[in-house]
């Protein structure tokens, strides 16, 4: 039996989700978030810093918020909702 399926050219896509800069930015966001989480628990490990629990929590919460903003920004750029639509 003869093969009747015609060869079609590869599909060209214009998405740029595989750009390296997105992965680097997401990695940076993850690292910032993890640092924030670990900073939150420093007073639990070092009892001498127990007086500064509020400061460590504040710094940790700020780092987690910054990491979340970076991550959401990158994800929305990947999905095409970013400013750079070229």
Protein backbone atom coordinates (compact mmCIF):
# COMPACT_ATOMS: atom_id res chain seq x y z
CA UNK A 1 0.00 0.00 0.00
CA UNK A 2 1.31 3.39 -0.92
CA UNK A 3 1.92 6.13 1.63
CA UNK A 4 -0.59 8.87 0.81
CA UNK A 5 0.23 11.20 3.68
CA UNK A 6 1.83 14.35 2.38
CA UNK A 7 4.71 15.88 4.25
CA UNK A 8 3.86 19.23 5.72
CA UNK A 9 6.38 21.87 6.75
CA UNK A 10 7.20 22.40 10.40
CA UNK A 11 4.78 24.68 12.16
CA UNK A 12 6.26 28.09 12.89
CA UNK A 13 5.35 29.52 16.26
CA UNK A 14 5.92 33.04 17.42
CA UNK A 15 5.94 32.32 21.13
CA UNK A 16 9.06 33.12 23.04
CA UNK A 17 8.40 31.08 26.16
CA UNK A 18 11.71 29.27 25.84
CA UNK A 19 13.88 32.34 26.15
CA UNK A 20 16.64 31.95 28.71
CA UNK A 21 15.95 35.27 30.41
CA UNK A 22 12.58 34.00 31.64
CA UNK A 23 14.17 31.02 33.35
CA UNK A 24 16.85 33.20 34.91
CA UNK A 25 14.26 35.65 36.25
CA UNK A 26 12.11 32.83 37.64
CA UNK A 27 15.17 31.29 39.30
CA UNK A 28 16.05 34.63 40.89
CA UNK A 29 12.47 35.01 42.13
CA UNK A 30 12.54 31.52 43.65
CA UNK A 31 15.86 32.20 45.38
CA UNK A 32 14.59 35.51 46.79
CA UNK A 33 11.46 33.77 48.07
CA UNK A 34 13.46 30.98 49.69
CA UNK A 35 15.79 33.48 51.36
CA UNK A 36 12.71 35.24 52.72
CA UNK A 37 11.32 32.00 54.11
CA UNK A 38 14.60 31.08 55.77
CA UNK A 39 15.06 34.56 57.24
CA UNK A 40 11.65 34.23 58.87
CA UNK A 41 12.89 31.33 60.99
CA UNK A 42 16.29 32.74 62.03
CA UNK A 43 15.03 33.88 65.48
CA UNK A 44 13.73 30.36 66.13
CA UNK A 45 17.18 28.88 65.54
CA UNK A 46 19.18 31.59 67.33
CA UNK A 47 17.48 32.40 70.63
CA UNK A 48 19.67 35.48 71.11
CA UNK A 49 17.74 37.14 68.25
CA UNK A 50 14.37 36.45 69.84
CA UNK A 51 13.87 40.16 70.58
CA UNK A 52 13.97 40.96 66.85
CA UNK A 53 11.25 38.59 65.66
CA UNK A 54 9.15 41.40 64.18
CA UNK A 55 12.06 42.73 62.11
CA UNK A 56 12.92 39.30 60.73
CA UNK A 57 9.26 38.65 59.88
CA UNK A 58 8.98 42.03 58.18
CA UNK A 59 12.09 41.43 56.06
CA UNK A 60 10.93 37.91 55.23
CA UNK A 61 7.47 39.08 54.20
CA UNK A 62 8.93 41.83 52.00
CA UNK A 63 11.25 39.37 50.26
CA UNK A 64 8.40 36.94 49.62
CA UNK A 65 6.23 39.73 48.20
CA UNK A 66 9.05 40.94 45.94
CA UNK A 67 9.67 37.37 44.74
CA UNK A 68 5.96 36.89 44.05
CA UNK A 69 5.76 40.11 42.04
CA UNK A 70 8.78 39.12 39.95
CA UNK A 71 7.38 35.64 39.35
CA UNK A 72 3.93 36.90 38.34
CA UNK A 73 5.51 39.50 36.05
CA UNK A 74 7.56 36.84 34.27
CA UNK A 75 4.65 34.42 33.97
CA UNK A 76 2.41 37.10 32.49
CA UNK A 77 5.15 38.04 30.02
CA UNK A 78 5.40 34.40 28.97
CA UNK A 79 1.64 34.23 28.51
CA UNK A 80 1.74 37.37 26.38
CA UNK A 81 0.22 39.91 28.73
CA UNK A 82 3.47 41.84 29.17
CA UNK A 83 4.42 45.20 27.75
CA UNK A 84 6.86 43.72 25.22
CA UNK A 85 4.60 42.51 22.45
CA UNK A 86 6.88 42.47 19.47
